């Protein structure tokens, strides 16, 4: 039952976060990118703080360790990840599916960061090969022009890659933390603090609330990202992170592109190129090599291998 629950939550998370890339792309037509990310977590943070006040005895972090975990989540998982991602997705070359596939590199990046902060993780020679293959997949996906590295959406794709790295590092730091803090409390305060950081970045970039266009579509995009993708999505994510660990749970980044590409095709009429497919498949091969033992053990446990 526990494995079935984990699998069900995993697929829900992949669907929610995969479709979130499409909501981001749709909303960017109405909001300045960094300010859009800030609005998202203004709303999500208030929603989650209200839920934390209802669900836990003490919704306020206590002590140095709890606040350090909140700050880590705010800086890396909320602020850095979403600021880089939203700016990257403003480029027409970065479709919802492409953004989702670049972010799918995060499990490989998580393995790298885990080596430094989670000593129990070990990367074998085959795992190192898998890491290299995954990086090749990212290069194929970005498809940079050697004659003009700033053209063809290369810079935007690199920003999305930085987003993936920020998320991977934040996941590992959260797992390594020994703070005993309720998920709801940590999530709410990380979102609120992260939103504040993103607002400062938006202000520094000259983005203004006056540039936002409030329509039914923009409100739907903001509402979906705030309540579903952020509120519900991160509750599921941190629950699975606590039980599965950062490398296994970040495998969700490999399933999310399927939903992102499908929803992007249905809603935004985005195309799916051979380069996108090739990059995704290469990254999958790399991750399969890195975590081959864990994947084999899970398949045996579910009866796939008998």
Protein backbone atom coordinates (compact mmCIF):
# COMPACT_ATOMS: atom_id res chain seq x y z
CA UNK A 1 0.00 0.00 0.00
CA UNK A 2 2.87 2.36 0.84
CA UNK A 3 4.49 1.80 -2.58
CA UNK A 4 1.15 2.28 -4.32
CA UNK A 5 0.62 5.51 -2.39
CA UNK A 6 4.10 6.73 -3.29
CA UNK A 7 3.57 5.88 -6.95
CA UNK A 8 0.17 7.58 -7.03
CA UNK A 9 1.51 10.74 -5.41
CA UNK A 10 4.52 10.66 -7.72
CA UNK A 11 2.30 10.61 -10.83
CA UNK A 12 0.04 13.34 -9.43
CA UNK A 13 3.11 15.49 -8.80
CA UNK A 14 4.47 14.84 -12.31
CA UNK A 15 1.12 15.82 -13.86
CA UNK A 16 0.74 18.95 -11.72
CA UNK A 17 4.30 20.18 -12.24
CA UNK A 18 4.37 19.19 -15.91
CA UNK A 19 1.21 21.19 -16.63
CA UNK A 20 2.63 24.07 -14.56
CA UNK A 21 5.17 24.76 -17.32
CA UNK A 22 2.23 25.44 -19.63
CA UNK A 23 0.57 27.73 -17.07
CA UNK A 24 3.85 29.64 -16.74
CA UNK A 25 4.11 30.05 -20.52
CA UNK A 26 0.50 31.25 -20.72
CA UNK A 27 0.85 33.67 -17.81
CA UNK A 28 4.05 35.23 -19.14
CA UNK A 29 1.96 36.85 -21.89
CA UNK A 30 0.40 39.05 -19.17
CA UNK A 31 3.03 39.48 -16.43
CA UNK A 32 6.69 40.57 -16.23
CA UNK A 33 8.51 37.26 -15.63
CA UNK A 34 10.15 37.75 -12.23
CA UNK A 35 7.16 39.65 -10.86
CA UNK A 36 4.93 36.80 -12.06
CA UNK A 37 6.98 34.37 -9.97
CA UNK A 38 6.72 36.71 -6.98
CA UNK A 39 2.92 36.99 -7.33
CA UNK A 40 2.72 33.20 -7.50
CA UNK A 41 4.34 32.76 -4.10
CA UNK A 42 2.65 35.75 -2.49
CA UNK A 43 -0.61 33.90 -3.00
CA UNK A 44 0.78 30.40 -2.39
CA UNK A 45 2.57 31.48 0.79
CA UNK A 46 -0.55 33.02 2.30
CA UNK A 47 -2.62 29.96 1.36
CA UNK A 48 -0.06 27.61 2.89
CA UNK A 49 0.35 29.72 6.04
CA UNK A 50 -3.41 29.57 6.56
CA UNK A 51 -3.31 25.80 6.08
CA UNK A 52 -0.33 25.46 8.44
CA UNK A 53 -2.18 27.43 11.12
CA UNK A 54 -5.01 24.92 10.79
CA UNK A 55 -2.97 21.71 10.41
CA UNK A 56 -0.10 22.04 12.92
CA UNK A 57 0.18 23.09 16.55
CA UNK A 58 2.86 25.74 15.94
CA UNK A 59 2.96 27.25 12.41
CA UNK A 60 6.00 29.41 13.18
CA UNK A 61 9.59 28.06 12.79
CA UNK A 62 11.49 27.86 16.07
CA UNK A 63 15.22 27.90 16.60
CA UNK A 64 18.23 28.31 14.34
CA UNK A 65 18.00 24.93 12.58
CA UNK A 66 14.37 25.35 11.56
CA UNK A 67 14.96 28.86 10.22
CA UNK A 68 18.05 27.69 8.31
CA UNK A 69 15.95 25.07 6.54
CA UNK A 70 13.31 27.70 5.74
CA UNK A 71 15.94 30.08 4.35
CA UNK A 72 17.53 27.29 2.29
CA UNK A 73 14.19 26.40 0.73
CA UNK A 74 13.33 30.07 0.15
CA UNK A 75 16.61 30.89 -1.59
CA UNK A 76 17.16 27.79 -3.74
CA UNK A 77 13.83 25.98 -4.24
CA UNK A 78 11.55 29.03 -4.36
CA UNK A 79 13.48 32.19 -5.36
CA UNK A 80 16.40 31.05 -7.51
CA UNK A 81 14.59 28.18 -9.22
CA UNK A 82 11.50 30.14 -10.18
CA UNK A 83 13.22 33.43 -11.09
CA UNK A 84 15.59 31.64 -13.50
CA UNK A 85 12.77 29.46 -14.86
CA UNK A 86 10.29 32.27 -15.47
CA UNK A 87 12.86 34.48 -17.21
CA UNK A 88 14.03 31.54 -19.32
CA UNK A 89 10.50 30.75 -20.45
CA UNK A 90 10.01 34.27 -21.82
CA UNK A 91 12.08 33.24 -24.86
CA UNK A 92 9.89 31.76 -27.65
CA UNK A 93 12.58 29.12 -28.21
CA UNK A 94 11.87 27.70 -24.76
CA UNK A 95 8.50 25.98 -25.08
CA UNK A 96 6.79 24.35 -22.11
CA UNK A 97 8.13 20.96 -23.19
CA UNK A 98 11.70 22.21 -23.67
CA UNK A 99 11.70 23.90 -20.25
CA UNK A 100 10.39 20.73 -18.62
CA UNK A 101 13.04 18.59 -20.30
CA UNK A 102 15.89 20.91 -19.25
CA UNK A 103 14.59 20.87 -15.69
CA UNK A 104 14.59 17.08 -15.95
CA UNK A 105 18.37 17.29 -15.62
CA UNK A 106 17.86 18.05 -11.91
CA UNK A 107 18.12 14.38 -10.79
CA UNK A 108 21.62 14.18 -12.26
CA UNK A 109 22.55 17.49 -10.65
CA UNK A 110 21.06 16.23 -7.40
CA UNK A 111 23.45 13.28 -7.51
CA UNK A 112 26.38 15.68 -7.79
CA UNK A 113 25.26 17.82 -4.85
CA UNK A 114 24.41 14.73 -2.78
CA UNK A 115 28.06 13.67 -3.00
CA UNK A 116 29.01 16.80 -1.09
CA UNK A 117 26.17 17.03 1.44
CA UNK A 118 24.92 13.43 1.76
CA UNK A 119 28.00 11.21 2.21
CA UNK A 120 25.90 8.05 2.06
CA UNK A 121 25.42 8.65 -1.67
CA UNK A 122 28.15 7.14 -3.84
CA UNK A 123 28.64 7.49 -7.58
CA UNK A 124 30.24 4.47 -9.24
CA UNK A 125 32.15 4.47 -12.53
CA UNK A 126 28.97 3.47 -14.36
CA UNK A 127 27.12 6.21 -12.49
CA UNK A 128 29.73 8.74 -13.60
CA UNK A 129 29.21 7.55 -17.17
CA UNK A 130 25.48 8.07 -16.73
CA UNK A 131 26.12 11.59 -15.46
CA UNK A 132 28.20 12.34 -18.54
CA UNK A 133 25.52 10.96 -20.85
CA UNK A 134 22.92 13.09 -19.10
CA UNK A 135 25.01 16.20 -19.65
CA UNK A 136 25.32 15.29 -23.33
CA UNK A 137 21.54 15.09 -23.44
CA UNK A 138 21.30 18.60 -21.99
CA UNK A 139 23.67 19.90 -24.67
CA UNK A 140 21.66 18.19 -27.42
CA UNK A 141 18.50 19.70 -26.00
CA UNK A 142 19.94 23.23 -25.75
CA UNK A 143 21.31 22.88 -29.31
CA UNK A 144 23.69 25.87 -29.02
CA UNK A 145 25.04 27.60 -32.10
CA UNK A 146 28.87 27.58 -31.88
CA UNK A 147 29.01 30.68 -34.07
CA UNK A 148 26.64 32.59 -31.81
CA UNK A 149 26.24 31.23 -28.30
CA UNK A 150 23.77 33.97 -27.44
CA UNK A 151 21.44 33.08 -30.31
CA UNK A 152 18.75 30.50 -30.80
CA UNK A 153 17.47 30.70 -27.24
CA UNK A 154 20.75 29.37 -25.82
CA UNK A 155 20.94 31.92 -23.00
CA UNK A 156 17.30 31.27 -22.04
CA UNK A 157 17.92 27.53 -21.96
CA UNK A 158 20.99 28.03 -19.79
CA UNK A 159 18.87 30.07 -17.37
CA UNK A 160 16.45 27.15 -17.13
CA UNK A 161 19.46 24.87 -16.51
CA UNK A 162 20.51 27.17 -13.64
CA UNK A 163 16.96 26.82 -12.31
CA UNK A 164 17.35 23.03 -12.34
CA UNK A 165 20.68 23.30 -10.50
CA UNK A 166 19.15 25.58 -7.85
CA UNK A 167 16.28 23.17 -7.27
CA UNK A 168 18.64 20.19 -7.03
CA UNK A 169 20.86 21.93 -4.48
CA UNK A 170 17.88 23.05 -2.43
CA UNK A 171 16.48 19.51 -2.37
CA UNK A 172 19.74 18.07 -1.09
CA UNK A 173 20.18 20.77 1.56
CA UNK A 174 16.61 20.16 2.76
CA UNK A 175 17.24 16.43 3.01
CA UNK A 176 20.54 17.00 4.83
CA UNK A 177 18.92 19.29 7.38
CA UNK A 178 18.34 17.82 10.81
CA UNK A 179 15.67 20.36 11.72
CA UNK A 180 12.43 18.86 13.00
CA UNK A 181 9.92 21.18 11.35
CA UNK A 182 6.45 20.34 10.01
CA UNK A 183 6.26 20.26 6.21
CA UNK A 184 3.39 22.76 6.21
CA UNK A 185 5.31 25.27 8.33
CA UNK A 186 8.52 24.95 6.34
CA UNK A 187 6.68 25.26 3.02
CA UNK A 188 4.61 28.30 4.02
CA UNK A 189 7.51 30.35 5.36
CA UNK A 190 9.87 29.32 2.54
CA UNK A 191 7.27 30.54 0.04
CA UNK A 192 6.71 33.85 1.82
CA UNK A 193 10.42 34.54 2.28
CA UNK A 194 11.14 33.37 -1.28
CA UNK A 195 8.43 35.68 -2.61
CA UNK A 196 10.07 38.59 -0.80
CA UNK A 197 13.43 37.77 -2.37
CA UNK A 198 11.86 37.53 -5.84
CA UNK A 199 10.15 40.91 -5.36
CA UNK A 200 13.55 42.48 -4.61
CA UNK A 201 14.98 40.93 -7.80
CA UNK A 202 11.98 42.15 -9.82
CA UNK A 203 12.46 45.65 -8.48
CA UNK A 204 16.17 45.56 -9.31
CA UNK A 205 15.32 44.53 -12.88
CA UNK A 206 12.90 47.43 -13.24
CA UNK A 207 9.74 45.33 -13.43
CA UNK A 208 6.56 47.12 -12.40
CA UNK A 209 3.12 46.02 -11.22
CA UNK A 210 1.73 48.53 -13.72
CA UNK A 211 2.98 46.26 -16.53
CA UNK A 212 0.76 43.36 -15.38
CA UNK A 213 -2.39 42.72 -17.41
CA UNK A 214 -5.26 41.31 -15.37
CA UNK A 215 -7.54 39.10 -17.45
CA UNK A 216 -9.46 35.89 -16.88
CA UNK A 217 -6.64 33.88 -18.47
CA UNK A 218 -3.91 35.58 -16.46
CA UNK A 219 -5.83 35.05 -13.20
CA UNK A 220 -6.43 31.39 -14.06
CA UNK A 221 -2.72 30.88 -14.75
CA UNK A 222 -1.75 32.62 -11.52
CA UNK A 223 -4.37 30.73 -9.52
CA UNK A 224 -3.34 27.35 -10.91
CA UNK A 225 0.35 27.99 -10.21
CA UNK A 226 -0.31 29.35 -6.72
CA UNK A 227 -2.81 26.85 -5.36
CA UNK A 228 -2.35 23.65 -7.37
CA UNK A 229 1.29 23.65 -8.55
CA UNK A 230 2.71 25.40 -5.48
CA UNK A 231 0.39 24.68 -2.57
CA UNK A 232 -0.62 21.10 -3.35
CA UNK A 233 2.44 20.28 -5.46
CA UNK A 234 5.02 21.22 -2.86
CA UNK A 235 3.11 19.49 -0.07
CA UNK A 236 3.31 16.27 -2.09
CA UNK A 237 6.94 16.95 -3.04
CA UNK A 238 8.24 17.49 0.50
CA UNK A 239 6.24 14.51 1.76
CA UNK A 240 7.88 12.26 -0.84
CA UNK A 241 11.28 13.92 -0.34
CA UNK A 242 11.21 12.94 3.33
CA UNK A 243 10.46 9.28 2.51
CA UNK A 244 12.27 8.70 -0.79
CA UNK A 245 15.24 11.06 -0.66
CA UNK A 246 16.21 13.78 -3.16
CA UNK A 247 17.54 11.63 -6.00
CA UNK A 248 14.57 9.29 -6.19
CA UNK A 249 11.89 11.98 -5.82
CA UNK A 250 13.57 14.24 -8.37
CA UNK A 251 12.94 11.49 -10.89
CA UNK A 252 9.60 13.30 -11.19
CA UNK A 253 11.49 15.70 -13.45
CA UNK A 254 11.74 12.90 -16.02
CA UNK A 255 8.01 12.25 -16.10
CA UNK A 256 6.86 15.89 -15.97
CA UNK A 257 8.02 16.67 -19.55
CA UNK A 258 5.55 14.12 -20.90
CA UNK A 259 2.68 16.03 -19.31
CA UNK A 260 4.20 19.41 -20.21
CA UNK A 261 4.60 18.51 -23.87
CA UNK A 262 1.11 17.00 -24.06
CA UNK A 263 -0.64 19.92 -22.34
CA UNK A 264 1.47 22.43 -24.31
CA UNK A 265 0.39 20.77 -27.53
CA UNK A 266 -3.27 20.70 -26.50
CA UNK A 267 -3.50 24.18 -24.96
CA UNK A 268 -0.81 26.33 -26.60
CA UNK A 269 -0.42 24.47 -29.91
CA UNK A 270 3.30 23.98 -29.22
CA UNK A 271 5.23 21.63 -31.46
CA UNK A 272 7.42 18.73 -30.29
CA UNK A 273 10.72 18.59 -32.20
CA UNK A 274 13.05 15.65 -32.77
CA UNK A 275 15.77 17.50 -30.84
CA UNK A 276 13.52 17.73 -27.80
CA UNK A 277 12.76 14.02 -27.95
CA UNK A 278 16.40 13.07 -28.52
CA UNK A 279 17.63 15.22 -25.62
CA UNK A 280 15.01 13.77 -23.30
CA UNK A 281 15.85 10.17 -24.25
CA UNK A 282 19.59 10.72 -23.75
CA UNK A 283 19.00 12.26 -20.32
CA UNK A 284 16.80 9.27 -19.41
CA UNK A 285 19.60 6.87 -20.36
CA UNK A 286 22.00 8.84 -18.18
CA UNK A 287 19.70 8.75 -15.16
CA UNK A 288 19.01 5.07 -15.70
CA UNK A 289 22.74 4.37 -15.40
CA UNK A 290 23.17 6.58 -12.35
CA UNK A 291 20.30 4.94 -10.43
CA UNK A 292 20.21 1.52 -12.07
CA UNK A 293 20.41 -0.39 -8.76
CA UNK A 294 17.58 1.58 -7.13
CA UNK A 295 15.39 1.27 -10.22
CA UNK A 296 16.08 -2.49 -10.49
CA UNK A 297 15.27 -2.99 -6.80
CA UNK A 298 12.02 -1.06 -7.11
CA UNK A 299 10.96 -3.02 -10.18
CA UNK A 300 11.65 -6.28 -8.37
CA UNK A 301 9.70 -5.07 -5.35
CA UNK A 302 6.69 -4.23 -7.52
CA UNK A 303 6.88 -7.62 -9.22
CA UNK A 304 7.96 -6.38 -12.66
CA UNK A 305 11.02 -8.64 -12.59
CA UNK A 306 9.28 -11.35 -10.64
